[in-house]
């Protein structure tokens, strides 16, 4: 996060339309929206500019400044989750230069928590009351009069759906911002790293540990994270953008809309990343869902680092049960080697990806995993000259030439050249593309990764028919 920029925070009761508003302002679906209360949980910062003034806009969860729990639940995990969510809002309010209180104009004032409003009025910062869902022009004056009794000015009737009134609201907000002529120093994105995996494997804990900040809400409740969150950080002089994502759940027709939208955002985060931290849990058995997630990373042609989290909890007495008899208590080298074999057995297609055993709690092994990102990123940008490629190809054809398939022509390969990077992409000139088997393509891809040093990233080989053949 570029903290040199001023901050405008959107706060308000649950379901007032804050996430819809931020999506409308930015012109894209950045925040997950739903009629379900509590959809937003983390702070989400987005950089924007209005009237030549750059600033950070912050989306937050449903407001509860009273400090009293709103969950009617005896579930301690759920109560702890809500406490952490409210802490995220408090951080956003403290950081903000301007606060926009977003309320639902269709709801009666009596529905607003008076204790919350009392505390909100006492905040010594510029405040704006945005009365959302003022979709009808003739009702805006009526709603402004109704909410004027709250004692918060100025009042801006808006519609996050249609966009009406948003320009006036932002004009009021940026008028309070300090001058930023010399503050506009864009943070370099660097290597974009998406942290992906199943729910509850510790992705947000890793994200917070890397940033050294309680940036994302952490809870033992699966599915806590719902919106992908980006943050910039410089580690040992190298810039990175880490993206915390929602856990990818097994597809189910009974999934709630927030879960579905969260899944879409996770896939979007993978697509715009350079490398993925694929997170597994050391104390749990590998599942088909883990294998599907790994398959998605490779299908999108992204670099990959396998991060086995919660290694501090791993022992012969813990899961996976399949390892219990193989481990020798007190032998750390045996423990890691056996766990490595277990992972390799379930992910043979990730053979070229490094594996690191880490603890988000203590930070063990995390620095080594981060250091592995740079060489993988550099390999994804590497260019190999045509002469070296064709010498390599000639050697491979001597070792294992493509075999003729019973229903195809005799395969012939003439040359190879590189046509792209990120991922490394190559073009194989052949007599007849259908005559080249997928087995030979896999053989060539694996040989290129090993011998031309593309470890950590998949490569692509396209077949092109030679003119006149």
Protein backbone atom coordinates (compact mmCIF):
# COMPACT_ATOMS: atom_id res chain seq x y z
CA UNK A 1 0.00 0.00 0.00
CA UNK A 2 1.33 3.44 -0.95
CA UNK A 3 0.80 5.20 2.37
CA UNK A 4 2.17 8.49 0.99
CA UNK A 5 -1.21 9.04 -0.67
CA UNK A 6 -4.16 10.44 1.32
CA UNK A 7 -6.88 7.96 2.23
CA UNK A 8 -10.67 8.13 1.92
CA UNK A 9 -12.41 5.36 3.87
CA UNK A 10 -15.88 4.04 3.09
CA UNK A 11 -17.55 2.88 6.30
CA UNK A 12 -21.12 2.11 7.22
CA UNK A 13 -23.61 -0.49 8.42
CA UNK A 14 -23.70 -3.92 6.79
CA UNK A 15 -25.39 -4.09 3.38
CA UNK A 16 -25.39 -0.31 2.85
CA UNK A 17 -23.70 -0.75 -0.54
CA UNK A 18 -20.06 0.19 0.17
CA UNK A 19 -18.59 -2.52 -2.05
CA UNK A 20 -21.04 -1.72 -4.86
CA UNK A 21 -20.00 1.92 -4.54
CA UNK A 22 -16.27 1.20 -4.78
CA UNK A 23 -16.90 -1.01 -7.82
CA UNK A 24 -18.87 1.81 -9.48
CA UNK A 25 -16.17 4.40 -8.77
CA UNK A 26 -13.42 2.15 -10.14
CA UNK A 27 -15.49 0.91 -13.09
CA UNK A 28 -14.75 -2.77 -12.41
CA UNK A 29 -15.74 -5.56 -10.01
CA UNK A 30 -12.97 -5.28 -7.42
CA UNK A 31 -15.03 -6.07 -4.33
CA UNK A 32 -17.37 -9.02 -3.84
CA UNK A 33 -20.97 -7.81 -3.50
CA UNK A 34 -23.97 -9.71 -2.18
CA UNK A 35 -27.24 -9.20 -0.35
CA UNK A 36 -25.78 -11.39 2.41
CA UNK A 37 -24.62 -9.31 5.39
CA UNK A 38 -20.94 -9.55 6.25
CA UNK A 39 -19.76 -10.30 2.71
CA UNK A 40 -16.85 -7.84 3.05
CA UNK A 41 -14.36 -8.64 5.82
CA UNK A 42 -10.93 -7.26 4.90
CA UNK A 43 -9.77 -3.75 4.15
CA UNK A 44 -9.39 -3.31 0.42
CA UNK A 45 -7.31 -0.40 -0.85
CA UNK A 46 -7.62 0.84 -4.43
CA UNK A 47 -5.71 3.73 -5.95
CA UNK A 48 -7.72 6.27 -7.94
CA UNK A 49 -7.73 9.95 -8.92
CA UNK A 50 -10.46 12.59 -9.02
CA UNK A 51 -10.06 16.21 -10.13
CA UNK A 52 -6.30 15.61 -10.51
CA UNK A 53 -6.02 14.53 -6.88
CA UNK A 54 -4.73 10.96 -6.36
CA UNK A 55 -5.81 9.05 -3.27
CA UNK A 56 -6.46 5.59 -1.84
CA UNK A 57 -10.07 4.51 -1.48
CA UNK A 58 -10.71 1.90 1.23
CA UNK A 59 -13.61 -0.53 1.34
CA UNK A 60 -14.45 -1.91 4.80
CA UNK A 61 -16.79 -4.39 6.47
CA UNK A 62 -20.09 -3.55 8.17
CA UNK A 63 -19.52 -0.92 10.86
CA UNK A 64 -19.89 -1.68 14.57
CA UNK A 65 -17.94 1.00 16.43
CA UNK A 66 -19.98 0.38 19.57
CA UNK A 67 -17.71 -2.52 20.45
CA UNK A 68 -20.72 -4.75 21.15
CA UNK A 69 -20.85 -8.00 19.15
CA UNK A 70 -23.57 -8.13 16.50
CA UNK A 71 -23.42 -11.89 16.03
CA UNK A 72 -26.11 -13.71 17.98
CA UNK A 73 -23.90 -16.73 18.20
CA UNK A 74 -22.27 -18.67 20.97
CA UNK A 75 -19.66 -19.88 18.50
CA UNK A 76 -16.35 -18.54 19.81
CA UNK A 77 -14.68 -18.79 16.41
CA UNK A 78 -17.44 -16.70 14.81
CA UNK A 79 -17.22 -14.13 17.63
CA UNK A 80 -13.45 -13.93 17.24
CA UNK A 81 -13.88 -13.45 13.49
CA UNK A 82 -16.20 -10.50 14.05
CA UNK A 83 -13.76 -8.93 16.52
CA UNK A 84 -10.97 -9.18 13.94
CA UNK A 85 -13.23 -7.71 11.25
CA UNK A 86 -14.06 -4.72 13.45
CA UNK A 87 -10.35 -4.18 14.14
CA UNK A 88 -9.83 -3.90 10.38
CA UNK A 89 -12.43 -1.10 10.25
CA UNK A 90 -10.80 0.73 13.18
CA UNK A 91 -7.45 0.64 11.38
CA UNK A 92 -9.06 2.09 8.24
CA UNK A 93 -10.73 4.88 10.26
CA UNK A 94 -7.44 5.77 12.00
CA UNK A 95 -5.56 5.87 8.69
CA UNK A 96 -8.19 7.87 6.82
CA UNK A 97 -7.92 11.57 6.02
CA UNK A 98 -11.62 11.66 5.08
CA UNK A 99 -14.39 9.29 6.14
CA UNK A 100 -17.51 8.65 4.06
CA UNK A 101 -20.30 7.11 6.12
CA UNK A 102 -22.47 5.13 3.70
CA UNK A 103 -26.06 4.43 4.85
CA UNK A 104 -29.03 2.78 3.18
CA UNK A 105 -31.47 5.57 2.26
CA UNK A 106 -34.35 3.11 2.10
CA UNK A 107 -33.94 2.10 5.74
CA UNK A 108 -35.48 4.16 8.58
CA UNK A 109 -33.10 6.12 10.77
CA UNK A 110 -34.27 4.09 13.76
CA UNK A 111 -32.48 1.07 12.29
CA UNK A 112 -29.07 2.75 12.66
CA UNK A 113 -27.13 1.95 15.81
CA UNK A 114 -27.28 5.17 17.87
CA UNK A 115 -24.17 4.19 19.83
CA UNK A 116 -22.30 3.81 16.56
CA UNK A 117 -23.47 7.21 15.37
CA UNK A 118 -22.48 8.84 18.67
CA UNK A 119 -18.95 7.45 18.40
CA UNK A 120 -18.79 8.34 14.72
CA UNK A 121 -19.67 12.00 15.41
CA UNK A 122 -16.81 12.18 17.93
CA UNK A 123 -14.17 11.24 15.32
CA UNK A 124 -12.21 14.45 14.70
CA UNK A 125 -11.82 14.02 10.96
CA UNK A 126 -13.70 15.36 7.93
CA UNK A 127 -16.85 13.29 7.45
CA UNK A 128 -19.40 12.96 4.67
CA UNK A 129 -22.77 11.23 4.92
CA UNK A 130 -23.53 9.32 1.71
CA UNK A 131 -27.20 8.31 1.57
CA UNK A 132 -27.08 5.37 -0.83
CA UNK A 133 -29.93 3.79 -2.80
CA UNK A 134 -31.32 7.26 -3.59
CA UNK A 135 -32.27 6.00 -7.02
CA UNK A 136 -35.31 8.21 -7.51
CA UNK A 137 -34.49 11.93 -8.15
CA UNK A 138 -37.70 13.25 -6.53
CA UNK A 139 -36.91 11.35 -3.29
CA UNK A 140 -33.37 12.69 -2.84
CA UNK A 141 -34.45 15.91 -1.13
CA UNK A 142 -36.78 13.93 1.13
CA UNK A 143 -34.01 11.49 2.11
CA UNK A 144 -31.52 14.33 2.70
CA UNK A 145 -33.98 15.98 5.07
CA UNK A 146 -34.64 12.68 6.87
CA UNK A 147 -30.94 11.90 7.46
CA UNK A 148 -30.05 15.50 8.37
CA UNK A 149 -31.23 14.66 11.88
CA UNK A 150 -28.08 12.53 12.30
CA UNK A 151 -26.02 15.72 12.58
CA UNK A 152 -23.39 14.67 10.03
CA UNK A 153 -22.67 17.09 7.19
CA UNK A 154 -22.36 17.40 4.26
CA UNK A 155 -25.06 15.01 3.06
CA UNK A 156 -24.75 13.48 -0.42
CA UNK A 157 -27.65 11.42 -1.81
CA UNK A 158 -26.15 8.83 -4.17
CA UNK A 159 -26.93 5.66 -6.08
CA UNK A 160 -24.11 3.11 -6.21
CA UNK A 161 -26.08 1.24 -8.87
CA UNK A 162 -26.67 4.06 -11.36
CA UNK A 163 -23.76 6.28 -10.35
CA UNK A 164 -25.89 9.38 -9.74
CA UNK A 165 -24.54 11.75 -7.08
CA UNK A 166 -21.17 9.97 -6.82
CA UNK A 167 -19.31 12.78 -8.61
CA UNK A 168 -20.70 15.36 -6.15
CA UNK A 169 -19.76 13.11 -3.21
CA UNK A 170 -16.16 12.70 -4.44
CA UNK A 171 -15.91 16.45 -5.09
CA UNK A 172 -16.84 17.08 -1.45
CA UNK A 173 -14.37 14.42 -0.26
CA UNK A 174 -11.29 15.49 -2.25
CA UNK A 175 -11.81 19.10 -1.13
CA UNK A 176 -10.67 17.95 2.33
CA UNK A 177 -7.54 16.17 1.05
CA UNK A 178 -4.08 17.66 1.46
CA UNK A 179 -2.14 18.71 -1.61
CA UNK A 180 -0.28 15.75 -3.12
CA UNK A 181 1.87 17.30 -5.84
CA UNK A 182 5.07 15.71 -4.53
CA UNK A 183 3.44 12.60 -3.06
CA UNK A 184 2.58 10.83 -6.30
CA UNK A 185 5.32 8.19 -6.29
CA UNK A 186 3.79 4.99 -7.70
CA UNK A 187 4.94 1.92 -5.83
CA UNK A 188 6.60 -0.54 -8.23
CA UNK A 189 4.50 -3.67 -8.64
CA UNK A 190 7.51 -5.95 -9.05
CA UNK A 191 6.78 -9.67 -9.10
CA UNK A 192 3.05 -10.33 -8.73
CA UNK A 193 2.49 -13.32 -6.44
CA UNK A 194 -0.96 -14.86 -5.89
CA UNK A 195 -1.29 -16.88 -2.67
CA UNK A 196 -3.74 -19.67 -3.55
CA UNK A 197 -5.04 -22.88 -2.04
CA UNK A 198 -8.01 -24.46 -0.29
CA UNK A 199 -9.84 -22.62 2.52
CA UNK A 200 -8.15 -22.56 5.93
CA UNK A 201 -4.62 -23.58 4.87
CA UNK A 202 -3.21 -20.30 6.22
CA UNK A 203 -3.06 -18.05 3.14
CA UNK A 204 -4.05 -14.87 4.99
CA UNK A 205 -1.65 -15.69 7.85
CA UNK A 206 1.18 -16.02 5.31
CA UNK A 207 0.07 -12.77 3.65
CA UNK A 208 0.14 -10.93 7.00
CA UNK A 209 3.51 -12.44 7.93
CA UNK A 210 5.08 -11.37 4.62
CA UNK A 211 3.74 -7.80 5.02
CA UNK A 212 4.47 -7.74 8.76
CA UNK A 213 1.00 -6.28 9.25
CA UNK A 214 -2.47 -7.56 10.22
CA UNK A 215 -3.63 -6.67 6.72
CA UNK A 216 -6.10 -9.55 6.26
CA UNK A 217 -8.62 -11.01 8.68
CA UNK A 218 -7.46 -14.39 10.03
CA UNK A 219 -9.86 -16.89 11.55
CA UNK A 220 -10.19 -20.64 12.09
CA UNK A 221 -13.52 -20.35 10.25
CA UNK A 222 -13.08 -21.68 6.67
CA UNK A 223 -13.85 -19.13 3.94
CA UNK A 224 -12.91 -16.06 6.01
CA UNK A 225 -11.28 -14.31 3.03
CA UNK A 226 -13.73 -13.40 0.28
CA UNK A 227 -12.04 -10.64 -1.70
CA UNK A 228 -8.59 -10.77 -3.29
CA UNK A 229 -6.34 -8.19 -1.63
CA UNK A 230 -3.20 -6.71 -3.19
CA UNK A 231 -0.39 -5.11 -1.27
CA UNK A 232 3.07 -3.94 -2.31
CA UNK A 233 6.17 -4.70 -0.29
CA UNK A 234 9.92 -4.37 -0.82
CA UNK A 235 11.99 -7.27 0.53
CA UNK A 236 15.79 -7.03 0.41
CA UNK A 237 15.51 -4.28 -2.19
CA UNK A 238 13.17 -6.23 -4.49
CA UNK A 239 9.56 -5.08 -5.08
CA UNK A 240 6.68 -7.56 -4.90
CA UNK A 241 2.91 -7.42 -5.10
CA UNK A 242 1.40 -10.18 -2.97
CA UNK A 243 -2.26 -11.08 -3.57
CA UNK A 244 -4.21 -12.80 -0.80
CA UNK A 245 -7.07 -14.81 -2.29
CA UNK A 246 -10.18 -16.61 -1.16
CA UNK A 247 -9.85 -20.35 -0.69
CA UNK A 248 -10.99 -22.32 -3.73
CA UNK A 249 -13.76 -24.66 -2.63
CA UNK A 250 -15.06 -27.76 -4.33
CA UNK A 251 -17.76 -26.82 -6.84
CA UNK A 252 -21.22 -27.23 -5.35
CA UNK A 253 -24.58 -26.04 -6.68
CA UNK A 254 -25.48 -25.04 -3.11
CA UNK A 255 -22.62 -22.54 -2.82
CA UNK A 256 -23.60 -19.04 -1.71
CA UNK A 257 -23.15 -16.10 -4.09
CA UNK A 258 -20.22 -14.65 -2.08
CA UNK A 259 -18.39 -17.98 -2.38
CA UNK A 260 -19.01 -18.09 -6.14
CA UNK A 261 -17.85 -14.49 -6.66
CA UNK A 262 -14.83 -15.08 -4.42
CA UNK A 263 -13.85 -18.02 -6.62
CA UNK A 264 -14.05 -15.81 -9.71
CA UNK A 265 -11.79 -13.26 -8.03
CA UNK A 266 -9.27 -15.94 -7.11
CA UNK A 267 -9.06 -17.14 -10.72
CA UNK A 268 -8.67 -13.52 -11.81
CA UNK A 269 -5.82 -13.08 -9.30
CA UNK A 270 -4.06 -16.18 -10.68
CA UNK A 271 -4.38 -14.84 -14.24
CA UNK A 272 -2.75 -11.51 -13.41
CA UNK A 273 0.03 -13.01 -11.31
CA UNK A 274 3.53 -13.96 -12.45
CA UNK A 275 4.09 -16.70 -9.86
CA UNK A 276 1.74 -18.47 -7.44
CA UNK A 277 2.40 -19.54 -3.90
CA UNK A 278 0.44 -22.81 -3.93
CA UNK A 279 -0.31 -23.39 -0.24
CA UNK A 280 -0.83 -26.81 1.33
CA UNK A 281 -1.30 -27.68 5.00
CA UNK A 282 1.36 -29.95 6.47
CA UNK A 283 -1.03 -31.58 8.94
CA UNK A 284 -3.78 -32.46 6.44
CA UNK A 285 -4.12 -35.09 3.77
CA UNK A 286 -3.83 -33.94 0.17
CA UNK A 287 -7.21 -33.94 -1.57
CA UNK A 288 -8.53 -33.98 -5.12
CA UNK A 289 -9.35 -30.28 -4.64
CA UNK A 290 -5.64 -29.55 -3.96
CA UNK A 291 -4.76 -31.32 -7.21
CA UNK A 292 -7.39 -29.37 -9.13
CA UNK A 293 -6.03 -26.06 -7.83
CA UNK A 294 -2.50 -27.02 -8.85
CA UNK A 295 -3.86 -28.00 -12.26
CA UNK A 296 -5.48 -24.57 -12.65
CA UNK A 297 -2.17 -22.84 -11.91
CA UNK A 298 -0.41 -24.82 -14.63
CA UNK A 299 -3.35 -24.46 -17.05
CA UNK A 300 -2.98 -20.68 -16.74
CA UNK A 301 0.76 -21.11 -17.43
CA UNK A 302 1.93 -19.48 -14.18
CA UNK A 303 5.13 -20.01 -12.27
CA UNK A 304 4.62 -21.97 -9.07
CA UNK A 305 6.22 -22.38 -5.64
CA UNK A 306 4.70 -25.08 -3.41
CA UNK A 307 4.42 -23.72 0.15
CA UNK A 308 3.66 -26.33 2.81
CA UNK A 309 2.34 -24.27 5.73
CA UNK A 310 1.95 -25.12 9.44
CA UNK A 311 5.13 -27.21 9.45
CA UNK A 312 5.54 -26.22 13.13
CA UNK A 313 2.45 -28.38 13.87
CA UNK A 314 3.68 -31.39 11.92
CA UNK A 315 4.77 -34.46 13.85
CA UNK A 316 4.32 -38.26 13.77
CA UNK A 317 1.22 -37.77 15.93
CA UNK A 318 -0.50 -35.43 13.47
CA UNK A 319 -2.10 -35.94 10.09
CA UNK A 320 -1.63 -37.02 7.38
CA UNK A 321 -2.24 -40.44 8.91
CA UNK A 322 -0.60 -42.15 5.96
CA UNK A 323 2.76 -40.83 7.16
CA UNK A 324 2.55 -41.90 10.79
CA UNK A 325 4.29 -45.21 10.44
CA UNK A 326 6.98 -43.80 8.14
CA UNK A 327 8.16 -41.01 10.41
CA UNK A 328 10.76 -41.37 13.10
CA UNK A 329 10.11 -39.14 16.03
CA UNK A 330 12.80 -36.50 16.48
CA UNK A 331 14.32 -37.01 12.99
CA UNK A 332 13.61 -33.71 11.22
CA UNK A 333 15.42 -34.76 8.02
CA UNK A 334 13.29 -37.92 7.73
CA UNK A 335 10.11 -35.94 8.42
CA UNK A 336 10.77 -33.45 5.63
CA UNK A 337 11.99 -36.08 3.18
CA UNK A 338 8.94 -38.29 3.72
CA UNK A 339 6.58 -35.33 3.42
CA UNK A 340 8.36 -34.25 0.23
CA UNK A 341 7.85 -37.77 -1.21
CA UNK A 342 4.18 -37.68 -0.22
CA UNK A 343 3.69 -34.35 -2.05
CA UNK A 344 5.63 -35.50 -5.12
CA UNK A 345 3.47 -38.62 -5.31
CA UNK A 346 0.26 -36.56 -5.46
CA UNK A 347 1.61 -33.79 -7.69
CA UNK A 348 3.85 -35.46 -10.30
CA UNK A 349 3.03 -32.64 -12.75
CA UNK A 350 4.64 -30.12 -10.34
CA UNK A 351 8.02 -31.88 -10.54
CA UNK A 352 9.72 -28.68 -11.77
CA UNK A 353 8.38 -26.52 -8.89
CA UNK A 354 10.37 -25.97 -5.66
CA UNK A 355 8.79 -27.04 -2.36
CA UNK A 356 9.28 -25.13 0.91
CA UNK A 357 8.15 -26.07 4.40
CA UNK A 358 7.09 -22.94 6.24
CA UNK A 359 5.28 -21.65 9.30
CA UNK A 360 3.15 -18.52 9.01
CA UNK A 361 3.18 -18.38 12.80
CA UNK A 362 6.96 -18.25 13.32
CA UNK A 363 8.10 -17.30 9.83
CA UNK A 364 10.21 -20.46 9.50
CA UNK A 365 11.19 -21.13 5.89
CA UNK A 366 9.26 -18.15 4.51
CA UNK A 367 12.30 -16.09 3.48
CA UNK A 368 13.65 -19.02 1.44
CA UNK A 369 10.32 -19.40 -0.35
CA UNK A 370 10.29 -15.68 -1.20
CA UNK A 371 13.87 -15.82 -2.49
CA UNK A 372 12.80 -18.56 -4.94
CA UNK A 373 10.41 -16.13 -6.65
CA UNK A 374 13.10 -14.04 -8.37
CA UNK A 375 14.85 -16.83 -10.33
CA UNK A 376 11.46 -18.23 -11.43
CA UNK A 377 10.36 -14.78 -12.57
CA UNK A 378 13.63 -14.29 -14.48
CA UNK A 379 13.25 -17.70 -16.16
CA UNK A 380 9.77 -16.71 -17.34
CA UNK A 381 11.34 -13.72 -19.14
CA UNK A 382 14.37 -15.60 -20.48
CA UNK A 383 15.03 -15.59 -24.24
CA UNK A 384 17.11 -18.32 -25.93
CA UNK A 385 18.62 -17.70 -29.35
CA UNK A 386 17.56 -19.85 -32.31
CA UNK A 387 20.99 -21.43 -32.77
CA UNK A 388 21.08 -22.78 -29.21
CA UNK A 389 17.50 -24.00 -29.48
CA UNK A 390 18.11 -25.90 -32.72
CA UNK A 391 21.31 -27.51 -31.37
CA UNK A 392 19.27 -28.68 -28.38
CA UNK A 393 16.49 -29.95 -30.67
CA UNK A 394 18.95 -31.92 -32.85
CA UNK A 395 20.32 -33.71 -29.77
CA UNK A 396 16.83 -34.59 -28.53
CA UNK A 397 15.78 -35.93 -31.93
CA UNK A 398 18.78 -38.27 -31.91
CA UNK A 399 17.79 -39.57 -28.48
CA UNK A 400 14.02 -39.79 -29.02
CA UNK A 401 12.61 -38.92 -32.44
CA UNK A 402 8.81 -38.58 -32.72
CA UNK A 403 7.13 -41.87 -33.48
CA UNK A 404 4.66 -42.31 -36.28
CA UNK A 405 1.04 -42.74 -35.18
CA UNK A 406 -0.89 -45.41 -37.03
CA UNK A 407 -3.38 -42.95 -38.59
CA UNK A 408 -0.95 -40.13 -39.42
CA UNK A 409 1.88 -39.21 -41.76
CA UNK A 410 5.53 -39.78 -40.91
CA UNK A 411 6.35 -36.93 -38.50
CA UNK A 412 9.15 -34.54 -39.44
CA UNK A 413 10.52 -31.68 -37.35
CA UNK A 414 12.52 -28.95 -39.09
CA UNK A 415 13.32 -26.26 -36.51
CA UNK A 416 12.33 -24.51 -33.30
CA UNK A 417 12.29 -20.86 -32.26
CA UNK A 418 11.12 -18.84 -29.28
CA UNK A 419 8.09 -16.64 -29.93
CA UNK A 420 7.25 -15.26 -26.48
CA UNK A 421 7.88 -14.96 -22.77
CA UNK A 422 5.86 -15.09 -19.55
CA UNK A 423 5.41 -17.99 -20.07
CA UNK A 424 8.29 -19.01 -22.36
CA UNK A 425 6.62 -19.88 -25.67
CA UNK A 426 8.15 -21.77 -28.59
CA UNK A 427 7.18 -22.64 -32.14
CA UNK A 428 8.03 -26.04 -33.58
CA UNK A 429 8.10 -26.15 -37.39
CA UNK A 430 6.80 -29.54 -38.58
CA UNK A 431 5.49 -31.21 -41.72
CA UNK A 432 2.09 -32.03 -40.26
CA UNK A 433 1.00 -30.86 -36.72
CA UNK A 434 -1.41 -33.77 -36.20
CA UNK A 435 1.46 -36.23 -36.74
CA UNK A 436 3.26 -34.99 -33.57
CA UNK A 437 1.98 -36.90 -30.55
CA UNK A 438 1.20 -35.25 -27.23
CA UNK A 439 3.71 -37.65 -25.63
CA UNK A 440 6.52 -36.24 -27.76
CA UNK A 441 5.46 -32.67 -26.91
CA UNK A 442 5.56 -33.49 -23.19
CA UNK A 443 8.96 -35.14 -23.60
CA UNK A 444 10.32 -32.05 -25.35
CA UNK A 445 8.77 -29.64 -22.82
CA UNK A 446 10.23 -31.55 -19.86
CA UNK A 447 13.64 -31.77 -21.53
CA UNK A 448 13.62 -28.01 -22.17
CA UNK A 449 12.71 -27.26 -18.57
CA UNK A 450 15.55 -29.48 -17.30
CA UNK A 451 18.31 -28.68 -19.78
CA UNK A 452 17.53 -25.06 -20.65
CA UNK A 453 16.73 -24.13 -17.03
CA UNK A 454 13.07 -23.22 -16.93
CA UNK A 455 12.53 -24.68 -13.46
CA UNK A 456 9.50 -23.28 -11.66
CA UNK A 457 7.49 -22.35 -14.73
CA UNK A 458 5.58 -24.26 -17.40
CA UNK A 459 6.43 -23.61 -21.06
CA UNK A 460 4.30 -23.70 -24.19
CA UNK A 461 5.13 -25.32 -27.52
CA UNK A 462 3.01 -24.50 -30.57
CA UNK A 463 3.15 -26.62 -33.70
CA UNK A 464 3.34 -24.86 -37.06
CA UNK A 465 3.13 -26.53 -40.41
CA UNK A 466 5.99 -25.75 -42.82
CA UNK A 467 4.79 -24.18 -46.04
CA UNK A 468 4.76 -26.61 -48.95
CA UNK A 469 4.62 -29.79 -46.87
